PDB file of N, CA and C in Angstrom:
ATOM      1  N   MET A   1      -1.779   3.846 -20.425  1.00  0.00           N
ATOM      2  CA  MET A   1      -1.560   5.278 -20.838  1.00  0.00           C
ATOM      3  C   MET A   1      -1.561   6.259 -19.622  1.00  0.00           C
ATOM      4  N   ILE A   2      -0.661   7.140 -19.697  1.00  0.00           N
ATOM      5  CA  ILE A   2      -0.594   8.267 -18.701  1.00  0.00           C
ATOM      6  C   ILE A   2      -0.845   9.614 -19.314  1.00  0.00           C
ATOM      7  N   THR A   3      -1.678  10.342 -18.743  1.00  0.00           N
ATOM      8  CA  THR A   3      -2.077  11.691 -18.960  1.00  0.00           C
ATOM      9  C   THR A   3      -1.650  12.671 -17.986  1.00  0.00           C
ATOM     10  N   ARG A   4      -0.908  13.821 -18.418  1.00  0.00           N
ATOM     11  CA  ARG A   4      -0.471  14.771 -17.539  1.00  0.00           C
ATOM     12  C   ARG A   4      -1.212  16.092 -17.803  1.00  0.00           C
ATOM     13  N   HIS A   5      -1.689  16.722 -16.853  1.00  0.00           N
ATOM     14  CA  HIS A   5      -2.307  18.022 -16.854  1.00  0.00           C
ATOM     15  C   HIS A   5      -1.467  19.100 -16.165  1.00  0.00           C
ATOM     16  N   GLU A   6      -1.461  20.202 -16.661  1.00  0.00           N
ATOM     17  CA  GLU A   6      -0.784  21.427 -16.182  1.00  0.00           C
ATOM     18  C   GLU A   6       0.613  21.174 -15.697  1.00  0.00           C
ATOM     19  N   LYS A   7       1.303  20.752 -16.793  1.00  0.00           N
ATOM     20  CA  LYS A   7       2.722  20.210 -16.437  1.00  0.00           C
ATOM     21  C   LYS A   7       3.768  21.277 -16.638  1.00  0.00           C
ATOM     22  N   SER A   8       4.866  21.282 -15.955  1.00  0.00           N
ATOM     23  CA  SER A   8       5.982  22.019 -16.173  1.00  0.00           C
ATOM     24  C   SER A   8       7.166  21.265 -16.176  1.00  0.00           C
ATOM     25  N   ALA A   9       8.335  21.868 -16.277  1.00  0.00           N
ATOM     26  CA  ALA A   9       9.681  20.990 -16.302  1.00  0.00           C
ATOM     27  C   ALA A   9       9.844  20.287 -14.920  1.00  0.00           C
ATOM     28  N   ARG A  10       9.184  20.803 -13.954  1.00  0.00           N
ATOM     29  CA  ARG A  10       9.473  20.139 -12.635  1.00  0.00           C
ATOM     30  C   ARG A  10       8.310  19.199 -12.231  1.00  0.00           C
ATOM     31  N   LEU A  11       7.107  19.399 -12.507  1.00  0.00           N
ATOM     32  CA  LEU A  11       6.109  18.549 -12.206  1.00  0.00           C
ATOM     33  C   LEU A  11       4.770  18.615 -13.022  1.00  0.00           C
ATOM     34  N   SER A  12       3.875  17.711 -12.710  1.00  0.00           N
ATOM     35  CA  SER A  12       2.517  17.849 -13.331  1.00  0.00           C
ATOM     36  C   SER A  12       1.588  18.013 -12.102  1.00  0.00           C
ATOM     37  N   ARG A  13       0.588  18.922 -12.371  1.00  0.00           N
ATOM     38  CA  ARG A  13      -0.327  19.130 -11.251  1.00  0.00           C
ATOM     39  C   ARG A  13      -1.195  17.995 -11.064  1.00  0.00           C
ATOM     40  N   VAL A  14      -1.559  17.292 -12.176  1.00  0.00           N
ATOM     41  CA  VAL A  14      -2.492  16.083 -12.103  1.00  0.00           C
ATOM     42  C   VAL A  14      -1.832  15.082 -13.122  1.00  0.00           C
ATOM     43  N   VAL A  15      -1.830  13.730 -12.663  1.00  0.00           N
ATOM     44  CA  VAL A  15      -1.453  12.521 -13.489  1.00  0.00           C
ATOM     45  C   VAL A  15      -2.489  11.734 -13.441  1.00  0.00           C
ATOM     46  N   VAL A  16      -2.881  11.282 -14.551  1.00  0.00           N
ATOM     47  CA  VAL A  16      -3.914  10.304 -14.545  1.00  0.00           C
ATOM     48  C   VAL A  16      -3.400   8.998 -15.154  1.00  0.00           C
ATOM     49  N   ALA A  17      -3.276   7.811 -14.339  1.00  0.00           N
ATOM     50  CA  ALA A  17      -2.704   6.591 -14.928  1.00  0.00           C
ATOM     51  C   ALA A  17      -3.571   5.438 -14.163  1.00  0.00           C
ATOM     52  N   ASN A  18      -3.784   4.241 -14.840  1.00  0.00           N
ATOM     53  CA  ASN A  18      -4.331   3.111 -14.307  1.00  0.00           C
ATOM     54  C   ASN A  18      -5.574   3.436 -13.569  1.00  0.00           C
ATOM     55  N   GLY A  19      -6.493   4.230 -14.022  1.00  0.00           N
ATOM     56  CA  GLY A  19      -7.725   4.629 -13.360  1.00  0.00           C
ATOM     57  C   GLY A  19      -7.667   5.353 -12.278  1.00  0.00           C
ATOM     58  N   PHE A  20      -6.579   6.024 -11.894  1.00  0.00           N
ATOM     59  CA  PHE A  20      -6.445   6.927 -10.843  1.00  0.00           C
ATOM     60  C   PHE A  20      -6.023   8.275 -11.246  1.00  0.00           C
ATOM     61  N   ALA A  21      -6.413   9.437 -10.450  1.00  0.00           N
ATOM     62  CA  ALA A  21      -5.841  10.609 -10.687  1.00  0.00           C
ATOM     63  C   ALA A  21      -5.020  11.067  -9.489  1.00  0.00           C
ATOM     64  N   PHE A  22      -3.838  11.374  -9.826  1.00  0.00           N
ATOM     65  CA  PHE A  22      -2.897  11.680  -8.571  1.00  0.00           C
ATOM     66  C   PHE A  22      -2.558  13.145  -8.711  1.00  0.00           C
ATOM     67  N   LEU A  23      -2.965  13.915  -7.651  1.00  0.00           N
ATOM     68  CA  LEU A  23      -2.783  15.344  -7.655  1.00  0.00           C
ATOM     69  C   LEU A  23      -1.388  15.703  -6.913  1.00  0.00           C
ATOM     70  N   SER A  24      -0.684  16.608  -7.253  1.00  0.00           N
ATOM     71  CA  SER A  24       0.502  17.164  -6.630  1.00  0.00           C
ATOM     72  C   SER A  24      -0.024  17.862  -5.375  1.00  0.00           C
ATOM     73  N   GLY A  25       0.975  18.094  -4.443  1.00  0.00           N
ATOM     74  CA  GLY A  25       0.499  18.810  -3.223  1.00  0.00           C
ATOM     75  C   GLY A  25       0.049  20.086  -3.630  1.00  0.00           C
ATOM     76  N   ILE A  26      -1.032  20.582  -3.029  1.00  0.00           N
ATOM     77  CA  ILE A  26      -1.610  21.917  -3.412  1.00  0.00           C
ATOM     78  C   ILE A  26      -1.530  22.889  -2.193  1.00  0.00           C
ATOM     79  N   THR A  27      -1.136  23.988  -2.381  1.00  0.00           N
ATOM     80  CA  THR A  27      -1.244  25.098  -1.477  1.00  0.00           C
ATOM     81  C   THR A  27      -1.984  26.259  -1.800  1.00  0.00           C
ATOM     82  N   ALA A  28      -2.450  27.102  -0.817  1.00  0.00           N
ATOM     83  CA  ALA A  28      -3.536  28.104  -1.222  1.00  0.00           C
ATOM     84  C   ALA A  28      -2.834  29.214  -2.181  1.00  0.00           C
ATOM     85  N   LYS A  29      -3.537  29.626  -3.070  1.00  0.00           N
ATOM     86  CA  LYS A  29      -3.244  30.801  -3.912  1.00  0.00           C
ATOM     87  C   LYS A  29      -3.158  32.045  -3.261  1.00  0.00           C
ATOM     88  N   ASP A  30      -4.090  32.162  -2.373  1.00  0.00           N
ATOM     89  CA  ASP A  30      -4.167  33.457  -1.351  1.00  0.00           C
ATOM     90  C   ASP A  30      -3.757  32.937  -0.074  1.00  0.00           C
ATOM     91  N   ARG A  31      -2.588  33.457   0.365  1.00  0.00           N
ATOM     92  CA  ARG A  31      -2.014  32.891   1.583  1.00  0.00           C
ATOM     93  C   ARG A  31      -2.191  33.976   2.793  1.00  0.00           C
ATOM     94  N   SER A  32      -3.096  34.910   2.605  1.00  0.00           N
ATOM     95  CA  SER A  32      -3.321  35.917   3.581  1.00  0.00           C
ATOM     96  C   SER A  32      -4.214  35.444   4.677  1.00  0.00           C
ATOM     97  N   GLY A  33      -4.965  34.456   4.540  1.00  0.00           N
ATOM     98  CA  GLY A  33      -5.861  33.969   5.657  1.00  0.00           C
ATOM     99  C   GLY A  33      -5.296  32.936   6.603  1.00  0.00           C
ATOM    100  N   GLY A  34      -6.065  32.591   7.383  1.00  0.00           N
ATOM    101  CA  GLY A  34      -5.713  31.506   8.378  1.00  0.00           C
ATOM    102  C   GLY A  34      -5.833  30.095   7.762  1.00  0.00           C
ATOM    103  N   ALA A  35      -5.590  29.089   8.549  1.00  0.00           N
ATOM    104  CA  ALA A  35      -5.755  27.709   8.105  1.00  0.00           C
ATOM    105  C   ALA A  35      -7.032  27.331   7.466  1.00  0.00           C
ATOM    106  N   LYS A  36      -8.161  27.840   8.005  1.00  0.00           N
ATOM    107  CA  LYS A  36      -9.454  27.594   7.325  1.00  0.00           C
ATOM    108  C   LYS A  36      -9.717  28.160   6.143  1.00  0.00           C
ATOM    109  N   GLU A  37      -9.149  29.360   5.932  1.00  0.00           N
ATOM    110  CA  GLU A  37      -9.369  30.068   4.565  1.00  0.00           C
ATOM    111  C   GLU A  37      -8.378  29.477   3.578  1.00  0.00           C
ATOM    112  N   GLN A  38      -7.181  29.142   3.998  1.00  0.00           N
ATOM    113  CA  GLN A  38      -6.141  28.402   3.113  1.00  0.00           C
ATOM    114  C   GLN A  38      -6.765  27.135   2.651  1.00  0.00           C
ATOM    115  N   THR A  39      -7.310  26.352   3.574  1.00  0.00           N
ATOM    116  CA  THR A  39      -7.824  24.983   3.264  1.00  0.00           C
ATOM    117  C   THR A  39      -9.100  25.201   2.244  1.00  0.00           C
ATOM    118  N   ALA A  40      -9.891  26.105   2.414  1.00  0.00           N
ATOM    119  CA  ALA A  40     -10.966  26.239   1.611  1.00  0.00           C
ATOM    120  C   ALA A  40     -10.484  26.567   0.139  1.00  0.00           C
ATOM    121  N   ASP A  41      -9.543  27.524   0.031  1.00  0.00           N
ATOM    122  CA  ASP A  41      -8.876  27.792  -1.172  1.00  0.00           C
ATOM    123  C   ASP A  41      -8.206  26.632  -1.873  1.00  0.00           C
ATOM    124  N   ILE A  42      -7.521  25.729  -1.130  1.00  0.00           N
ATOM    125  CA  ILE A  42      -6.919  24.507  -1.656  1.00  0.00           C
ATOM    126  C   ILE A  42      -8.013  23.405  -2.191  1.00  0.00           C
ATOM    127  N   LEU A  43      -9.040  23.419  -1.300  1.00  0.00           N
ATOM    128  CA  LEU A  43     -10.089  22.491  -1.795  1.00  0.00           C
ATOM    129  C   LEU A  43     -10.951  22.823  -3.062  1.00  0.00           C
ATOM    130  N   ALA A  44     -10.871  24.162  -3.162  1.00  0.00           N
ATOM    131  CA  ALA A  44     -11.644  24.721  -4.526  1.00  0.00           C
ATOM    132  C   ALA A  44     -10.519  24.211  -5.662  1.00  0.00           C
ATOM    133  N   GLN A  45      -9.368  24.502  -5.454  1.00  0.00           N
ATOM    134  CA  GLN A  45      -8.358  23.988  -6.416  1.00  0.00           C
ATOM    135  C   GLN A  45      -8.427  22.459  -6.711  1.00  0.00           C
ATOM    136  N   ILE A  46      -8.622  21.656  -5.666  1.00  0.00           N
ATOM    137  CA  ILE A  46      -8.711  20.282  -5.767  1.00  0.00           C
ATOM    138  C   ILE A  46     -10.034  19.962  -6.589  1.00  0.00           C
ATOM    139  N   ASP A  47     -11.143  20.664  -6.385  1.00  0.00           N
ATOM    140  CA  ASP A  47     -12.209  20.414  -7.285  1.00  0.00           C
ATOM    141  C   ASP A  47     -11.861  20.753  -8.636  1.00  0.00           C
ATOM    142  N   HIS A  48     -11.174  21.681  -8.962  1.00  0.00           N
ATOM    143  CA  HIS A  48     -10.781  22.014 -10.420  1.00  0.00           C
ATOM    144  C   HIS A  48      -9.887  20.934 -11.003  1.00  0.00           C
ATOM    145  N   PHE A  49      -8.827  20.537 -10.190  1.00  0.00           N
ATOM    146  CA  PHE A  49      -7.998  19.579 -10.779  1.00  0.00           C
ATOM    147  C   PHE A  49      -8.693  18.242 -10.888  1.00  0.00           C
ATOM    148  N   LEU A  50      -9.495  17.742 -10.018  1.00  0.00           N
ATOM    149  CA  LEU A  50     -10.223  16.577 -10.242  1.00  0.00           C
ATOM    150  C   LEU A  50     -11.143  16.553 -11.462  1.00  0.00           C
ATOM    151  N   ALA A  51     -11.879  17.807 -11.720  1.00  0.00           N
ATOM    152  CA  ALA A  51     -12.515  17.850 -12.832  1.00  0.00           C
ATOM    153  C   ALA A  51     -11.667  17.739 -14.188  1.00  0.00           C
ATOM    154  N   LEU A  52     -10.560  18.278 -14.150  1.00  0.00           N
ATOM    155  CA  LEU A  52      -9.611  18.120 -15.289  1.00  0.00           C
ATOM    156  C   LEU A  52      -9.350  16.692 -15.458  1.00  0.00           C
ATOM    157  N   ALA A  53      -9.225  15.819 -14.573  1.00  0.00           N
ATOM    158  CA  ALA A  53      -8.938  14.429 -14.559  1.00  0.00           C
ATOM    159  C   ALA A  53     -10.327  13.519 -15.026  1.00  0.00           C
ATOM    160  N   GLY A  54     -11.461  14.188 -14.953  1.00  0.00           N
ATOM    161  CA  GLY A  54     -12.796  13.503 -15.223  1.00  0.00           C
ATOM    162  C   GLY A  54     -13.165  12.874 -14.020  1.00  0.00           C
ATOM    163  N   THR A  55     -13.005  13.458 -12.832  1.00  0.00           N
ATOM    164  CA  THR A  55     -13.464  12.780 -11.553  1.00  0.00           C
ATOM    165  C   THR A  55     -13.995  13.944 -10.663  1.00  0.00           C
ATOM    166  N   SER A  56     -14.287  13.503  -9.429  1.00  0.00           N
ATOM    167  CA  SER A  56     -14.735  14.505  -8.320  1.00  0.00           C
ATOM    168  C   SER A  56     -14.464  14.038  -6.973  1.00  0.00           C
ATOM    169  N   LYS A  57     -14.659  14.840  -6.017  1.00  0.00           N
ATOM    170  CA  LYS A  57     -14.310  14.612  -4.614  1.00  0.00           C
ATOM    171  C   LYS A  57     -15.046  13.335  -4.028  1.00  0.00           C
ATOM    172  N   SER A  58     -15.990  12.958  -4.540  1.00  0.00           N
ATOM    173  CA  SER A  58     -16.736  11.576  -4.100  1.00  0.00           C
ATOM    174  C   SER A  58     -15.831  10.483  -4.414  1.00  0.00           C
ATOM    175  N   LYS A  59     -14.938  10.598  -5.366  1.00  0.00           N
ATOM    176  CA  LYS A  59     -14.011   9.490  -5.797  1.00  0.00           C
ATOM    177  C   LYS A  59     -12.658   9.472  -5.046  1.00  0.00           C
ATOM    178  N   ILE A  60     -12.519  10.480  -4.175  1.00  0.00           N
ATOM    179  CA  ILE A  60     -11.103  10.653  -3.498  1.00  0.00           C
ATOM    180  C   ILE A  60     -10.921   9.304  -2.656  1.00  0.00           C
ATOM    181  N   VAL A  61      -9.800   8.629  -2.776  1.00  0.00           N
ATOM    182  CA  VAL A  61      -9.473   7.444  -1.888  1.00  0.00           C
ATOM    183  C   VAL A  61      -8.654   7.837  -0.804  1.00  0.00           C
ATOM    184  N   THR A  62      -7.691   8.633  -1.035  1.00  0.00           N
ATOM    185  CA  THR A  62      -6.781   9.019   0.030  1.00  0.00           C
ATOM    186  C   THR A  62      -6.353  10.516  -0.011  1.00  0.00           C
ATOM    187  N   ALA A  63      -6.101  10.879   1.099  1.00  0.00           N
ATOM    188  CA  ALA A  63      -5.735  12.433   1.219  1.00  0.00           C
ATOM    189  C   ALA A  63      -4.540  12.589   2.290  1.00  0.00           C
ATOM    190  N   ASN A  64      -3.533  13.365   1.992  1.00  0.00           N
ATOM    191  CA  ASN A  64      -2.581  13.622   2.816  1.00  0.00           C
ATOM    192  C   ASN A  64      -2.552  15.185   3.158  1.00  0.00           C
ATOM    193  N   ILE A  65      -2.552  15.523   4.444  1.00  0.00           N
ATOM    194  CA  ILE A  65      -2.548  16.971   4.813  1.00  0.00           C
ATOM    195  C   ILE A  65      -1.348  17.267   5.506  1.00  0.00           C
ATOM    196  N   TRP A  66      -0.741  18.257   5.287  1.00  0.00           N
ATOM    197  CA  TRP A  66       0.413  18.876   6.085  1.00  0.00           C
ATOM    198  C   TRP A  66      -0.059  20.268   6.758  1.00  0.00           C
ATOM    199  N   LEU A  67       0.245  20.336   7.955  1.00  0.00           N
ATOM    200  CA  LEU A  67      -0.129  21.705   8.649  1.00  0.00           C
ATOM    201  C   LEU A  67       1.251  22.331   9.024  1.00  0.00           C
ATOM    202  N   LYS A  68       1.282  23.486   8.876  1.00  0.00           N
ATOM    203  CA  LYS A  68       2.530  24.169   9.530  1.00  0.00           C
ATOM    204  C   LYS A  68       2.558  24.107  10.943  1.00  0.00           C
ATOM    205  N   ASP A  69       1.161  24.202  11.749  1.00  0.00           N
ATOM    206  CA  ASP A  69       1.141  24.053  13.105  1.00  0.00           C
ATOM    207  C   ASP A  69      -0.057  23.182  13.416  1.00  0.00           C
ATOM    208  N   ILE A  70       0.163  22.060  14.024  1.00  0.00           N
ATOM    209  CA  ILE A  70      -0.951  21.038  14.369  1.00  0.00           C
ATOM    210  C   ILE A  70      -2.169  21.762  15.141  1.00  0.00           C
ATOM    211  N   GLY A  71      -1.770  22.774  15.841  1.00  0.00           N
ATOM    212  CA  GLY A  71      -2.760  23.537  16.502  1.00  0.00           C
ATOM    213  C   GLY A  71      -3.861  24.197  15.676  1.00  0.00           C
ATOM    214  N   ALA A  72      -3.600  24.128  14.406  1.00  0.00           N
ATOM    215  CA  ALA A  72      -4.635  24.519  13.443  1.00  0.00           C
ATOM    216  C   ALA A  72      -5.535  23.413  12.945  1.00  0.00           C
ATOM    217  N   PHE A  73      -5.380  22.249  13.560  1.00  0.00           N
ATOM    218  CA  PHE A  73      -6.042  21.103  13.080  1.00  0.00           C
ATOM    219  C   PHE A  73      -7.641  21.294  12.980  1.00  0.00           C
ATOM    220  N   ASN A  74      -8.178  21.822  14.121  1.00  0.00           N
ATOM    221  CA  ASN A  74      -9.634  22.011  14.029  1.00  0.00           C
ATOM    222  C   ASN A  74     -10.086  23.140  13.100  1.00  0.00           C
ATOM    223  N   GLU A  75      -9.304  24.115  12.916  1.00  0.00           N
ATOM    224  CA  GLU A  75      -9.578  25.091  11.989  1.00  0.00           C
ATOM    225  C   GLU A  75      -9.590  24.679  10.445  1.00  0.00           C
ATOM    226  N   MET A  76      -8.552  23.831  10.208  1.00  0.00           N
ATOM    227  CA  MET A  76      -8.471  23.128   8.879  1.00  0.00           C
ATOM    228  C   MET A  76      -9.781  22.223   8.812  1.00  0.00           C
ATOM    229  N   ASN A  77      -9.935  21.444   9.762  1.00  0.00           N
ATOM    230  CA  ASN A  77     -11.108  20.562   9.710  1.00  0.00           C
ATOM    231  C   ASN A  77     -12.514  21.208   9.490  1.00  0.00           C
ATOM    232  N   ALA A  78     -12.558  22.490   9.884  1.00  0.00           N
ATOM    233  CA  ALA A  78     -13.895  23.180   9.642  1.00  0.00           C
ATOM    234  C   ALA A  78     -14.131  23.472   8.189  1.00  0.00           C
ATOM    235  N   ALA A  79     -13.079  23.737   7.453  1.00  0.00           N
ATOM    236  CA  ALA A  79     -13.163  23.789   5.932  1.00  0.00           C
ATOM    237  C   ALA A  79     -13.300  22.505   5.367  1.00  0.00           C
ATOM    238  N   TRP A  80     -12.511  21.456   5.797  1.00  0.00           N
ATOM    239  CA  TRP A  80     -12.609  20.164   5.286  1.00  0.00           C
ATOM    240  C   TRP A  80     -13.994  19.449   5.391  1.00  0.00           C
ATOM    241  N   ASP A  81     -14.443  19.591   6.529  1.00  0.00           N
ATOM    242  CA  ASP A  81     -15.905  19.003   6.949  1.00  0.00           C
ATOM    243  C   ASP A  81     -16.948  19.599   6.097  1.00  0.00           C
ATOM    244  N   ALA A  82     -16.791  20.980   5.858  1.00  0.00           N
ATOM    245  CA  ALA A  82     -17.840  21.523   4.952  1.00  0.00           C
ATOM    246  C   ALA A  82     -17.828  21.153   3.550  1.00  0.00           C
ATOM    247  N   TRP A  83     -16.570  20.693   3.176  1.00  0.00           N
ATOM    248  CA  TRP A  83     -16.339  20.337   1.747  1.00  0.00           C
ATOM    249  C   TRP A  83     -16.571  18.804   1.481  1.00  0.00           C
ATOM    250  N   VAL A  84     -15.960  17.981   2.243  1.00  0.00           N
ATOM    251  CA  VAL A  84     -15.859  16.514   1.925  1.00  0.00           C
ATOM    252  C   VAL A  84     -17.200  15.826   1.811  1.00  0.00           C
ATOM    253  N   ASP A  85     -17.311  14.862   0.908  1.00  0.00           N
ATOM    254  CA  ASP A  85     -18.517  14.257   0.721  1.00  0.00           C
ATOM    255  C   ASP A  85     -18.873  13.234   1.849  1.00  0.00           C
ATOM    256  N   PRO A  86     -19.736  13.638   2.614  1.00  0.00           N
ATOM    257  CA  PRO A  86     -20.065  12.718   3.788  1.00  0.00           C
ATOM    258  C   PRO A  86     -20.333  11.286   3.654  1.00  0.00           C
ATOM    259  N   GLU A  87     -20.792  11.023   2.291  1.00  0.00           N
ATOM    260  CA  GLU A  87     -21.031   9.658   2.073  1.00  0.00           C
ATOM    261  C   GLU A  87     -19.638   8.860   1.485  1.00  0.00           C
ATOM    262  N   ALA A  88     -18.756   9.645   1.345  1.00  0.00           N
ATOM    263  CA  ALA A  88     -17.455   9.116   0.692  1.00  0.00           C
ATOM    264  C   ALA A  88     -16.201   9.805   1.263  1.00  0.00           C
ATOM    265  N   PRO A  89     -16.021   9.822   2.479  1.00  0.00           N
ATOM    266  CA  PRO A  89     -14.949  10.350   3.097  1.00  0.00           C
ATOM    267  C   PRO A  89     -13.602   9.473   2.683  1.00  0.00           C
ATOM    268  N   PRO A  90     -12.480  10.184   2.299  1.00  0.00           N
ATOM    269  CA  PRO A  90     -11.388   9.278   1.959  1.00  0.00           C
ATOM    270  C   PRO A  90     -10.596   8.789   3.272  1.00  0.00           C
ATOM    271  N   ALA A  91      -9.717   7.898   3.056  1.00  0.00           N
ATOM    272  CA  ALA A  91      -8.663   7.596   4.088  1.00  0.00           C
ATOM    273  C   ALA A  91      -7.798   8.853   4.144  1.00  0.00           C
ATOM    274  N   ARG A  92      -7.272   9.274   5.293  1.00  0.00           N
ATOM    275  CA  ARG A  92      -6.720  10.582   5.485  1.00  0.00           C
ATOM    276  C   ARG A  92      -5.660  10.558   6.502  1.00  0.00           C
ATOM    277  N   ALA A  93      -4.555  11.223   6.289  1.00  0.00           N
ATOM    278  CA  ALA A  93      -3.475  11.502   7.239  1.00  0.00           C
ATOM    279  C   ALA A  93      -3.223  13.058   7.394  1.00  0.00           C
ATOM    280  N   THR A  94      -2.986  13.502   8.557  1.00  0.00           N
ATOM    281  CA  THR A  94      -2.668  14.864   8.924  1.00  0.00           C
ATOM    282  C   THR A  94      -1.525  14.947   9.827  1.00  0.00           C
ATOM    283  N   VAL A  95      -0.454  15.630   9.348  1.00  0.00           N
ATOM    284  CA  VAL A  95       0.676  15.817  10.145  1.00  0.00           C
ATOM    285  C   VAL A  95       1.073  17.255  10.239  1.00  0.00           C
ATOM    286  N   GLU A  96       1.870  17.562  11.127  1.00  0.00           N
ATOM    287  CA  GLU A  96       2.594  18.831  11.187  1.00  0.00           C
ATOM    288  C   GLU A  96       3.893  18.723  10.560  1.00  0.00           C
ATOM    289  N   SER A  97       4.194  19.916   9.690  1.00  0.00           N
ATOM    290  CA  SER A  97       5.451  19.754   8.913  1.00  0.00           C
ATOM    291  C   SER A  97       5.839  21.144   8.621  1.00  0.00           C
ATOM    292  N   ARG A  98       7.283  21.327   8.473  1.00  0.00           N
ATOM    293  CA  ARG A  98       7.835  22.521   7.988  1.00  0.00           C
ATOM    294  C   ARG A  98       7.357  22.561   6.626  1.00  0.00           C
ATOM    295  N   LEU A  99       6.714  23.670   5.930  1.00  0.00           N
ATOM    296  CA  LEU A  99       6.271  23.794   4.592  1.00  0.00           C
ATOM    297  C   LEU A  99       7.264  24.583   3.854  1.00  0.00           C
ATOM    298  N   ALA A 100       7.032  24.823   2.505  1.00  0.00           N
ATOM    299  CA  ALA A 100       8.041  25.341   1.690  1.00  0.00           C
ATOM    300  C   ALA A 100       8.211  26.952   1.830  1.00  0.00           C
ATOM    301  N   ALA A 101       7.310  27.681   2.295  1.00  0.00           N
ATOM    302  CA  ALA A 101       7.209  28.988   2.560  1.00  0.00           C
ATOM    303  C   ALA A 101       6.579  29.465   3.912  1.00  0.00           C
ATOM    304  N   GLU A 102       7.062  30.533   4.392  1.00  0.00           N
ATOM    305  CA  GLU A 102       6.496  30.896   5.747  1.00  0.00           C
ATOM    306  C   GLU A 102       5.004  31.144   5.764  1.00  0.00           C
ATOM    307  N   ALA A 103       4.488  31.635   4.607  1.00  0.00           N
ATOM    308  CA  ALA A 103       3.055  32.021   4.602  1.00  0.00           C
ATOM    309  C   ALA A 103       2.184  30.959   4.357  1.00  0.00           C
ATOM    310  N   ILE A 104       2.779  29.623   4.001  1.00  0.00           N
ATOM    311  CA  ILE A 104       2.049  28.474   3.664  1.00  0.00           C
ATOM    312  C   ILE A 104       1.579  27.730   4.950  1.00  0.00           C
ATOM    313  N   LEU A 105       0.352  27.668   5.394  1.00  0.00           N
ATOM    314  CA  LEU A 105      -0.221  27.057   6.610  1.00  0.00           C
ATOM    315  C   LEU A 105      -0.645  25.564   6.416  1.00  0.00           C
ATOM    316  N   VAL A 106      -1.188  25.311   5.178  1.00  0.00           N
ATOM    317  CA  VAL A 106      -1.658  24.005   4.809  1.00  0.00           C
ATOM    318  C   VAL A 106      -1.327  23.591   3.384  1.00  0.00           C
ATOM    319  N   GLU A 107      -0.957  22.283   3.251  1.00  0.00           N
ATOM    320  CA  GLU A 107      -0.748  21.698   2.009  1.00  0.00           C
ATOM    321  C   GLU A 107      -1.453  20.413   1.865  1.00  0.00           C
ATOM    322  N   ILE A 108      -2.220  20.112   0.776  1.00  0.00           N
ATOM    323  CA  ILE A 108      -3.050  18.902   0.561  1.00  0.00           C
ATOM    324  C   ILE A 108      -2.642  18.266  -0.685  1.00  0.00           C
ATOM    325  N   GLN A 109      -2.640  17.031  -0.606  1.00  0.00           N
ATOM    326  CA  GLN A 109      -2.455  16.058  -1.764  1.00  0.00           C
ATOM    327  C   GLN A 109      -3.551  15.039  -1.787  1.00  0.00           C
ATOM    328  N   VAL A 110      -4.069  14.758  -2.777  1.00  0.00           N
ATOM    329  CA  VAL A 110      -5.138  13.655  -2.934  1.00  0.00           C
ATOM    330  C   VAL A 110      -4.931  12.571  -4.053  1.00  0.00           C
ATOM    331  N   GLN A 111      -5.513  11.494  -3.996  1.00  0.00           N
ATOM    332  CA  GLN A 111      -5.582  10.590  -5.139  1.00  0.00           C
ATOM    333  C   GLN A 111      -7.040  10.133  -5.261  1.00  0.00           C
ATOM    334  N   ALA A 112      -7.500   9.878  -6.328  1.00  0.00           N
ATOM    335  CA  ALA A 112      -8.799   9.611  -6.534  1.00  0.00           C
ATOM    336  C   ALA A 112      -9.154   8.713  -7.647  1.00  0.00           C
ATOM    337  N   LEU A 113     -10.139   7.836  -7.776  1.00  0.00           N
ATOM    338  CA  LEU A 113     -10.446   7.107  -8.845  1.00  0.00           C
ATOM    339  C   LEU A 113     -11.133   7.898 -10.007  1.00  0.00           C
ATOM    340  N   VAL A 114     -10.852   7.523 -11.243  1.00  0.00           N
ATOM    341  CA  VAL A 114     -11.358   8.197 -12.365  1.00  0.00           C
ATOM    342  C   VAL A 114     -12.523   7.465 -12.834  1.00  0.00           C
TER     343      VAL A 114
END
């Protein structure tokens, strides 16, 4: 069984299948801040979407992070480190990438066990 949450014609924000929750790439709703603020905004959204799927950040198995500028790595990590479950950190990759809009500094995608 596949369950889709907050879907549009283009994508589902969350797909639950085979015991996993797959989140689409998430960007900050408020793009006025720096990488730390945008990351905190995204992580709050991730908490919301994981709850929709019936899971939480302690069950995240992998995270992919895209930064507009890899120079913001430490700034992004300040928000990440304050949020991530220190007893259950996921496998993670972080890369520099051109993102969909100029104001987007960070995008994060996660997968978690349900």
